Amino acid sequence: QVRLVESGGGWVQPGGSLRLSCEASGIFSEIFAMGWYRQAPGKQRELVAVITSVDTTNYADSVKDRFTISRVYGKNTVFLEMNSLNAEDTGVYYCNADVTGSRWYGYRIPADSDYWGQGTQVTVSS
């Protein structure tokens, strides 16, 4: 059974920092890409940051120079270091495991190789 477990969300004041973690279990092949997406109230889920197995990264323009994504390959774990947080960063953050790279390359995404965590809430307010 595949599980992605996120942790590290919470409340922070504007300008503050948080570090999100996600560990994937039950996947016994190399995961091509792991990433973070977020969904704000009333909005669609959007990409925040993704990292491939060769450390190629992709960030949303709104988080460049503030957020840093990293991976620990032996443990199928991905982190998101978030600095200089503002109210627009508020939302539920979801971890994604793109096992075959279908999502990264924009191909049709097979249900049995693309997995999501349950999400962790990040709230930025004063």
Foldseek 3Di string as FASTA:
>chain_A
DKAKDKDWADEDAAQAKIKMKIFIPPDDAFFQKKAKWWDDPPGDIGGAKMAGPVGDMDGDPVQPPFKDKDADRVGRMIMIIGGRDDQVPWGWMKMKTQRPCCVVVVHDRDPVRIDIHPTDTHGYHD
